C-alpha atoms as a PDB file:
ATOM      1  CA  MET A   1      38.401   9.361  -5.165  1.00  0.00           C
ATOM      2  CA  MET A   2      37.312   5.762  -6.318  1.00  0.00           C
ATOM      3  CA  MET A   3      34.479   4.120  -4.026  1.00  0.00           C
ATOM      4  CA  GLN A   4      35.975   1.464  -1.754  1.00  0.00           C
ATOM      5  CA  GLU A   5      32.958  -0.603  -1.079  1.00  0.00           C
ATOM      6  CA  ARG A   6      32.848  -2.737   2.051  1.00  0.00           C
ATOM      7  CA  THR A   7      30.295  -4.545   3.934  1.00  0.00           C
ATOM      8  CA  HIS A   8      29.655  -5.699   7.643  1.00  0.00           C
ATOM      9  CA  GLU A   9      27.372  -8.211   8.843  1.00  0.00           C
ATOM     10  CA  ASP A  10      25.758  -8.501  12.319  1.00  0.00           C
ATOM     11  CA  ALA A  11      22.840 -10.130  13.907  1.00  0.00           C
ATOM     12  CA  GLU A  12      20.433  -7.668  12.727  1.00  0.00           C
ATOM     13  CA  GLY A  13      21.577  -7.187   9.087  1.00  0.00           C
ATOM     14  CA  VAL A  14      24.064  -5.812   6.830  1.00  0.00           C
ATOM     15  CA  ILE A  15      25.654  -2.592   6.343  1.00  0.00           C
ATOM     16  CA  LEU A  16      27.336  -1.212   3.275  1.00  0.00           C
ATOM     17  CA  PHE A  17      29.686   1.745   3.371  1.00  0.00           C
ATOM     18  CA  ASP A  18      32.517   3.600   1.425  1.00  0.00           C
ATOM     19  CA  ALA A  19      35.756   3.131   3.282  1.00  0.00           C
ATOM     20  CA  ALA A  20      37.095   5.961   1.255  1.00  0.00           C
ATOM     21  CA  VAL A  21      34.997   8.318   2.845  1.00  0.00           C
ATOM     22  CA  SER A  22      34.869   6.959   6.348  1.00  0.00           C
ATOM     23  CA  PRO A  23      36.785   3.749   7.131  1.00  0.00           C
ATOM     24  CA  GLN A  24      35.298   3.497  10.628  1.00  0.00           C
ATOM     25  CA  VAL A  25      31.630   2.957  10.306  1.00  0.00           C
ATOM     26  CA  GLY A  26      29.159   0.976  12.624  1.00  0.00           C
ATOM     27  CA  ARG A  27      25.363  -0.145  12.566  1.00  0.00           C
ATOM     28  CA  GLU A  28      25.004   2.450  15.303  1.00  0.00           C
ATOM     29  CA  TRP A  29      25.605   5.386  12.553  1.00  0.00           C
ATOM     30  CA  LEU A  30      22.025   4.455  11.202  1.00  0.00           C
ATOM     31  CA  THR A  31      20.524   4.954  14.570  1.00  0.00           C
ATOM     32  CA  PRO A  32      19.328   8.751  15.346  1.00  0.00           C
ATOM     33  CA  ASP A  33      19.610   8.082  19.216  1.00  0.00           C
ATOM     34  CA  TYR A  34      23.322   7.355  18.494  1.00  0.00           C
ATOM     35  CA  TRP A  35      23.827  11.030  17.387  1.00  0.00           C
ATOM     36  CA  ARG A  36      21.388  12.609  19.554  1.00  0.00           C
ATOM     37  CA  GLU A  37      23.194  11.310  22.596  1.00  0.00           C
ATOM     38  CA  ARG A  38      26.373  12.940  21.199  1.00  0.00           C
ATOM     39  CA  GLY A  39      24.514  16.251  20.365  1.00  0.00           C
ATOM     40  CA  ALA A  40      25.427  15.604  16.692  1.00  0.00           C
ATOM     41  CA  LEU A  41      21.708  15.419  15.550  1.00  0.00           C
ATOM     42  CA  ARG A  42      19.113  18.157  14.488  1.00  0.00           C
ATOM     43  CA  LEU A  43      15.858  17.632  12.697  1.00  0.00           C
ATOM     44  CA  GLU A  44      14.740  19.784   9.801  1.00  0.00           C
ATOM     45  CA  SER A  45      11.267  19.697   7.764  1.00  0.00           C
ATOM     46  CA  GLY A  46      10.876  18.008   4.481  1.00  0.00           C
ATOM     47  CA  GLY A  47      10.312  14.614   3.129  1.00  0.00           C
ATOM     48  CA  ARG A  48       8.375  11.754   5.025  1.00  0.00           C
ATOM     49  CA  GLY A  49       8.805  12.496   8.716  1.00  0.00           C
ATOM     50  CA  GLY A  50      11.411  15.128   8.207  1.00  0.00           C
ATOM     51  CA  VAL A  51      15.099  15.162   7.669  1.00  0.00           C
ATOM     52  CA  ALA A  52      17.894  14.163  10.016  1.00  0.00           C
ATOM     53  CA  ILE A  53      21.083  16.051   9.777  1.00  0.00           C
ATOM     54  CA  ILE A  54      24.048  14.418  11.666  1.00  0.00           C
ATOM     55  CA  ASP A  55      27.560  15.647  12.324  1.00  0.00           C
ATOM     56  CA  THR A  56      29.841  12.563  11.597  1.00  0.00           C
ATOM     57  CA  PRO A  57      33.437  11.794  11.242  1.00  0.00           C
ATOM     58  CA  ALA A  58      32.937  12.012   7.704  1.00  0.00           C
ATOM     59  CA  GLY A  59      31.396  15.450   7.902  1.00  0.00           C
ATOM     60  CA  GLU A  60      27.792  16.727   8.065  1.00  0.00           C
ATOM     61  CA  CYS A  61      25.377  14.078   6.577  1.00  0.00           C
ATOM     62  CA  VAL A  62      21.643  13.479   5.933  1.00  0.00           C
ATOM     63  CA  LEU A  63      20.173  10.150   7.673  1.00  0.00           C
ATOM     64  CA  ARG A  64      17.219   8.923   5.928  1.00  0.00           C
ATOM     65  CA  HIS A  65      14.945   5.988   7.079  1.00  0.00           C
ATOM     66  CA  TYR A  66      13.028   4.399   4.438  1.00  0.00           C
ATOM     67  CA  ARG A  67       9.318   4.947   4.739  1.00  0.00           C
ATOM     68  CA  ARG A  68       6.350   4.135   2.320  1.00  0.00           C
ATOM     69  CA  GLY A  69       4.046   6.519   0.705  1.00  0.00           C
ATOM     70  CA  GLY A  70       0.429   6.205  -0.137  1.00  0.00           C
ATOM     71  CA  ALA A  71      -2.164   3.819   0.865  1.00  0.00           C
ATOM     72  CA  VAL A  72       0.225   1.164   1.744  1.00  0.00           C
ATOM     73  CA  ALA A  73       1.989   3.277   4.340  1.00  0.00           C
ATOM     74  CA  SER A  74      -0.658   2.743   6.762  1.00  0.00           C
ATOM     75  CA  LEU A  75      -0.079  -0.799   6.728  1.00  0.00           C
ATOM     76  CA  MET A  76       3.547  -1.292   6.307  1.00  0.00           C
ATOM     77  CA  ALA A  77       4.856   2.281   7.139  1.00  0.00           C
ATOM     78  CA  ASP A  78       8.531   1.236   6.847  1.00  0.00           C
ATOM     79  CA  ARG A  79       8.699  -2.610   5.986  1.00  0.00           C
ATOM     80  CA  TYR A  80       9.683  -3.911   2.471  1.00  0.00           C
ATOM     81  CA  VAL A  81       9.476  -7.422   1.290  1.00  0.00           C
ATOM     82  CA  TRP A  82      12.800  -9.323   1.600  1.00  0.00           C
ATOM     83  CA  THR A  83      14.112 -10.371  -1.939  1.00  0.00           C
ATOM     84  CA  GLY A  84      17.793 -10.429  -1.186  1.00  0.00           C
ATOM     85  CA  ALA A  85      20.346  -8.091  -0.035  1.00  0.00           C
ATOM     86  CA  SER A  86      21.549  -6.645  -3.464  1.00  0.00           C
ATOM     87  CA  ARG A  87      17.759  -5.862  -4.118  1.00  0.00           C
ATOM     88  CA  THR A  88      17.318  -3.645  -0.880  1.00  0.00           C
ATOM     89  CA  ARG A  89      16.232  -0.193  -1.420  1.00  0.00           C
ATOM     90  CA  PRO A  90      19.152   1.262   0.497  1.00  0.00           C
ATOM     91  CA  PHE A  91      21.755  -1.115  -1.386  1.00  0.00           C
ATOM     92  CA  ALA A  92      20.498  -0.383  -4.809  1.00  0.00           C
ATOM     93  CA  GLU A  93      20.479   3.415  -4.042  1.00  0.00           C
ATOM     94  CA  PHE A  94      24.047   3.458  -2.573  1.00  0.00           C
ATOM     95  CA  ARG A  95      25.352   1.633  -5.738  1.00  0.00           C
ATOM     96  CA  LEU A  96      23.357   3.837  -8.008  1.00  0.00           C
ATOM     97  CA  LEU A  97      25.013   7.054  -6.178  1.00  0.00           C
ATOM     98  CA  ALA A  98      28.419   5.560  -6.769  1.00  0.00           C
ATOM     99  CA  HIS A  99      27.519   5.002 -10.430  1.00  0.00           C
ATOM    100  CA  ILE A 100      26.531   8.779 -10.387  1.00  0.00           C
ATOM    101  CA  ALA A 101      29.631  10.036  -8.647  1.00  0.00           C
ATOM    102  CA  GLU A 102      31.935   8.018 -11.125  1.00  0.00           C
ATOM    103  CA  ARG A 103      30.491   9.887 -13.980  1.00  0.00           C
ATOM    104  CA  SER A 104      30.950  13.106 -12.319  1.00  0.00           C
ATOM    105  CA  LEU A 105      27.245  14.102 -11.972  1.00  0.00           C
ATOM    106  CA  PRO A 106      26.037  16.397  -9.224  1.00  0.00           C
ATOM    107  CA  GLY A 107      24.204  13.932  -6.860  1.00  0.00           C
ATOM    108  CA  PRO A 108      24.664  13.103  -3.135  1.00  0.00           C
ATOM    109  CA  ILE A 109      27.615  11.176  -1.898  1.00  0.00           C
ATOM    110  CA  ALA A 110      26.917   8.018  -0.467  1.00  0.00           C
ATOM    111  CA  VAL A 111      28.528   7.200   2.909  1.00  0.00           C
ATOM    112  CA  VAL A 112      26.562   4.256   4.657  1.00  0.00           C
ATOM    113  CA  ALA A 113      23.449   2.035   3.622  1.00  0.00           C
ATOM    114  CA  GLY A 114      21.989  -0.624   5.783  1.00  0.00           C
ATOM    115  CA  TYR A 115      19.074  -2.974   6.463  1.00  0.00           C
ATOM    116  CA  ARG A 116      17.584  -4.986   9.409  1.00  0.00           C
ATOM    117  CA  ARG A 117      15.887  -8.178   8.693  1.00  0.00           C
ATOM    118  CA  HIS A 118      12.324  -8.684  10.425  1.00  0.00           C
ATOM    119  CA  GLY A 119      11.515 -12.348   9.039  1.00  0.00           C
ATOM    120  CA  LEU A 120      10.002 -12.056   5.518  1.00  0.00           C
ATOM    121  CA  PHE A 121      10.452  -8.170   5.672  1.00  0.00           C
ATOM    122  CA  TYR A 122      13.285  -5.520   6.089  1.00  0.00           C
ATOM    123  CA  SER A 123      13.446  -2.000   7.275  1.00  0.00           C
ATOM    124  CA  ALA A 124      16.316   0.356   6.028  1.00  0.00           C
ATOM    125  CA  ASP A 125      18.354   3.462   6.229  1.00  0.00           C
ATOM    126  CA  LEU A 126      20.739   5.473   4.117  1.00  0.00           C
ATOM    127  CA  ILE A 127      23.337   8.131   4.751  1.00  0.00           C
ATOM    128  CA  THR A 128      24.712  10.640   2.403  1.00  0.00           C
ATOM    129  CA  ARG A 129      26.885  13.755   2.383  1.00  0.00           C
ATOM    130  CA  ARG A 130      24.877  16.899   3.094  1.00  0.00           C
ATOM    131  CA  ILE A 131      24.995  19.313   0.434  1.00  0.00           C
ATOM    132  CA  ASP A 132      26.347  22.737   1.939  1.00  0.00           C
ATOM    133  CA  ASP A 133      23.835  25.821   1.806  1.00  0.00           C
ATOM    134  CA  ALA A 134      21.627  24.359  -0.475  1.00  0.00           C
ATOM    135  CA  LYS A 135      17.710  25.024  -0.964  1.00  0.00           C
ATOM    136  CA  THR A 136      15.267  23.066  -2.923  1.00  0.00           C
ATOM    137  CA  LEU A 137      13.714  24.221  -6.180  1.00  0.00           C
ATOM    138  CA  ALA A 138      10.521  23.906  -4.119  1.00  0.00           C
ATOM    139  CA  ASP A 139      11.765  26.575  -1.647  1.00  0.00           C
ATOM    140  CA  TYR A 140      12.825  28.683  -4.855  1.00  0.00           C
ATOM    141  CA  ILE A 141       9.151  28.493  -6.004  1.00  0.00           C
ATOM    142  CA  SER A 142       7.600  29.321  -2.726  1.00  0.00           C
ATOM    143  CA  GLY A 143       9.839  32.254  -2.431  1.00  0.00           C
ATOM    144  CA  ASN A 144       9.072  33.493  -5.908  1.00  0.00           C
ATOM    145  CA  ARG A 145      12.736  33.288  -7.065  1.00  0.00           C
ATOM    146  CA  PHE A 146      12.282  30.844  -9.803  1.00  0.00           C
ATOM    147  CA  ASP A 147      13.083  32.352 -12.965  1.00  0.00           C
ATOM    148  CA  ARG A 148      14.271  31.861 -16.529  1.00  0.00           C
ATOM    149  CA  GLU A 149      17.894  31.509 -15.402  1.00  0.00           C
ATOM    150  CA  ILE A 150      17.323  28.859 -12.984  1.00  0.00           C
ATOM    151  CA  ALA A 151      14.962  27.083 -15.427  1.00  0.00           C
ATOM    152  CA  GLU A 152      17.677  26.808 -17.832  1.00  0.00           C
ATOM    153  CA  GLU A 153      19.967  25.397 -15.312  1.00  0.00           C
ATOM    154  CA  VAL A 154      17.402  22.854 -14.129  1.00  0.00           C
ATOM    155  CA  GLY A 155      17.055  21.685 -17.858  1.00  0.00           C
ATOM    156  CA  ALA A 156      20.790  21.196 -18.202  1.00  0.00           C
ATOM    157  CA  LEU A 157      21.072  19.440 -14.930  1.00  0.00           C
ATOM    158  CA  VAL A 158      17.973  16.840 -15.985  1.00  0.00           C
ATOM    159  CA  ALA A 159      19.499  16.373 -19.432  1.00  0.00           C
ATOM    160  CA  ARG A 160      23.121  15.467 -17.982  1.00  0.00           C
ATOM    161  CA  PHE A 161      21.451  12.633 -16.038  1.00  0.00           C
ATOM    162  CA  HIS A 162      19.395  11.402 -18.999  1.00  0.00           C
ATOM    163  CA  ARG A 163      22.395  11.429 -21.369  1.00  0.00           C
ATOM    164  CA  GLU A 164      23.996   8.962 -18.994  1.00  0.00           C
ATOM    165  CA  GLY A 165      20.714   7.000 -18.859  1.00  0.00           C
ATOM    166  CA  ILE A 166      19.961   7.678 -15.312  1.00  0.00           C
ATOM    167  CA  TRP A 167      16.258   7.460 -14.529  1.00  0.00           C
ATOM    168  CA  HIS A 168      14.876   9.316 -11.465  1.00  0.00           C
ATOM    169  CA  ALA A 169      11.729   7.677 -10.121  1.00  0.00           C
ATOM    170  CA  ASP A 170      10.511  10.874  -8.473  1.00  0.00           C
ATOM    171  CA  LEU A 171      11.773  13.854 -10.532  1.00  0.00           C
ATOM    172  CA  ASN A 172      10.105  16.820  -8.824  1.00  0.00           C
ATOM    173  CA  ALA A 173      10.975  20.163  -7.380  1.00  0.00           C
ATOM    174  CA  HIS A 174      11.747  18.919  -3.697  1.00  0.00           C
ATOM    175  CA  ASN A 175      14.501  16.815  -5.429  1.00  0.00           C
ATOM    176  CA  VAL A 176      16.344  19.552  -7.238  1.00  0.00           C
ATOM    177  CA  MET A 177      18.746  21.192  -4.920  1.00  0.00           C
ATOM    178  CA  ILE A 178      20.209  24.572  -5.395  1.00  0.00           C
ATOM    179  CA  ALA A 179      23.410  25.606  -3.849  1.00  0.00           C
ATOM    180  CA  PRO A 180      26.380  28.031  -4.432  1.00  0.00           C
ATOM    181  CA  THR A 181      28.272  25.169  -5.964  1.00  0.00           C
ATOM    182  CA  GLY A 182      25.537  24.562  -8.541  1.00  0.00           C
ATOM    183  CA  LEU A 183      22.387  22.352  -8.896  1.00  0.00           C
ATOM    184  CA  TYR A 184      22.062  18.727  -7.770  1.00  0.00           C
ATOM    185  CA  LEU A 185      19.495  15.975  -8.013  1.00  0.00           C
ATOM    186  CA  ILE A 186      18.858  14.014  -4.750  1.00  0.00           C
ATOM    187  CA  ASP A 187      16.698  10.970  -3.615  1.00  0.00           C
ATOM    188  CA  PHE A 188      17.489   8.248  -6.088  1.00  0.00           C
ATOM    189  CA  ASP A 189      15.340   5.591  -4.338  1.00  0.00           C
ATOM    190  CA  ARG A 190      14.171   3.139  -6.877  1.00  0.00           C
ATOM    191  CA  GLY A 191      16.073   4.932  -9.609  1.00  0.00           C
ATOM    192  CA  ARG A 192      18.250   3.043 -11.920  1.00  0.00           C
ATOM    193  CA  VAL A 193      20.303   3.039 -15.347  1.00  0.00           C
ATOM    194  CA  ARG A 194      18.309   2.561 -18.483  1.00  0.00           C
ATOM    195  CA  GLU A 195      19.202   2.722 -22.324  1.00  0.00           C
ATOM    196  CA  PRO A 196      18.752   6.550 -23.197  1.00  0.00           C
ATOM    197  CA  GLU A 197      15.406   6.642 -24.825  1.00  0.00           C
ATOM    198  CA  THR A 198      12.973   9.503 -25.718  1.00  0.00           C
ATOM    199  CA  GLY A 199       9.893   7.918 -24.054  1.00  0.00           C
ATOM    200  CA  TRP A 200      11.157   7.607 -20.225  1.00  0.00           C
ATOM    201  CA  GLN A 201      13.136  10.774 -20.797  1.00  0.00           C
ATOM    202  CA  GLN A 202      10.016  12.767 -21.709  1.00  0.00           C
ATOM    203  CA  ASP A 203       7.784  10.807 -18.911  1.00  0.00           C
ATOM    204  CA  ASN A 204      10.485  12.231 -16.527  1.00  0.00           C
ATOM    205  CA  LEU A 205      10.243  15.767 -17.697  1.00  0.00           C
ATOM    206  CA  GLN A 206       6.440  15.554 -17.635  1.00  0.00           C
ATOM    207  CA  ARG A 207       6.837  14.415 -13.965  1.00  0.00           C
ATOM    208  CA  LEU A 208       8.766  17.481 -13.268  1.00  0.00           C
ATOM    209  CA  ARG A 209       6.348  19.969 -15.055  1.00  0.00           C
ATOM    210  CA  ARG A 210       3.348  18.338 -12.936  1.00  0.00           C
ATOM    211  CA  SER A 211       5.394  19.330  -9.861  1.00  0.00           C
ATOM    212  CA  LEU A 212       6.315  22.754 -10.739  1.00  0.00           C
ATOM    213  CA  LEU A 213       2.510  23.625 -11.579  1.00  0.00           C
ATOM    214  CA  LYS A 214       1.546  21.897  -8.357  1.00  0.00           C
ATOM    215  CA  LEU A 215       3.789  24.052  -6.266  1.00  0.00           C
ATOM    216  CA  GLY A 216       2.493  27.337  -7.943  1.00  0.00           C
ATOM    217  CA  ALA A 217       5.351  28.065 -10.475  1.00  0.00           C
ATOM    218  CA  ALA A 218       2.608  29.330 -13.181  1.00  0.00           C
ATOM    219  CA  ARG A 219       1.486  32.395 -10.749  1.00  0.00           C
ATOM    220  CA  GLU A 220       0.738  34.373 -13.925  1.00  0.00           C
ATOM    221  CA  GLY A 221      -1.020  31.512 -15.673  1.00  0.00           C
ATOM    222  CA  GLU A 222       0.106  28.362 -17.753  1.00  0.00           C
ATOM    223  CA  ALA A 223       0.809  30.290 -20.842  1.00  0.00           C
ATOM    224  CA  ALA A 224       3.089  32.663 -19.199  1.00  0.00           C
ATOM    225  CA  PHE A 225       4.878  29.736 -17.251  1.00  0.00           C
ATOM    226  CA  ASP A 226       5.289  27.994 -20.587  1.00  0.00           C
ATOM    227  CA  HIS A 227       6.768  30.917 -22.311  1.00  0.00           C
ATOM    228  CA  THR A 228       8.987  32.099 -19.399  1.00  0.00           C
ATOM    229  CA  ILE A 229      10.038  29.052 -17.728  1.00  0.00           C
ATOM    230  CA  TRP A 230       9.044  25.799 -19.330  1.00  0.00           C
ATOM    231  CA  GLN A 231      10.177  26.347 -22.778  1.00  0.00           C
ATOM    232  CA  PRO A 232      13.532  27.936 -21.529  1.00  0.00           C
ATOM    233  CA  LEU A 233      14.034  24.797 -19.591  1.00  0.00           C
ATOM    234  CA  LEU A 234      13.129  22.359 -22.532  1.00  0.00           C
ATOM    235  CA  ASP A 235      15.585  24.541 -24.937  1.00  0.00           C
ATOM    236  CA  ARG A 236      18.473  24.011 -22.602  1.00  0.00           C
ATOM    237  CA  TYR A 237      17.654  20.385 -21.914  1.00  0.00           C
ATOM    238  CA  GLY A 238      17.720  19.666 -25.772  1.00  0.00           C
ATOM    239  CA  ARG A 239      21.056  21.317 -26.221  1.00  0.00           C
ATOM    240  CA  THR A 240      22.771  19.757 -23.336  1.00  0.00           C
ATOM    241  CA  LEU A 241      21.365  16.277 -24.077  1.00  0.00           C
ATOM    242  CA  THR A 242      22.791  16.400 -27.721  1.00  0.00           C
ATOM    243  CA  ALA A 243      25.979  18.141 -26.695  1.00  0.00           C
END
């Protein structure tokens, strides 16, 4: 089903939504209290400030409030400089997810994106469809379930996105989801479409490698990790990239 992009403007800002997923969407969808009052909200650990799962007419979804990380978070926790609607974080991610879906790549389905103006700044939210029964690759590492087979599947997953020129700004084990239906990449904040090129693709892979090592994937040492996990991942990545 092709995306039917619609916008709605009010005194606070603008929301962007896919009428093909849910034709009845309001700004209240982006407010946790709206869902809490209906008994349709639960919080799960993960990410900055946790993850809000909401039960919507479009199905079970994830509501994410954009928050800054790093040193600037203490000064502007959820505020971003206004440079135009199309350049807001949620609108850019929403449209990138639409692009991903058009290419039949395994990413989240965008439902609603919205921003609120605060003078020279804005705050923002995004709703995506929840991936059923999914665990992160980080969960698999902590549970000692990350093996050669999964490594190869991760390599193929990343290659499929790279082949289409899709750059993930934060490729790490928390943003790789493993579900009964397959593997997915999530959280495309600041991601974008680029001309496929070895330089940024390899940088992306090295970012993933650092994440795996940081989370303890090399329990038996880095040499063993390279032999049993990383090299199989790279081999499958290379075969898929050129397929």
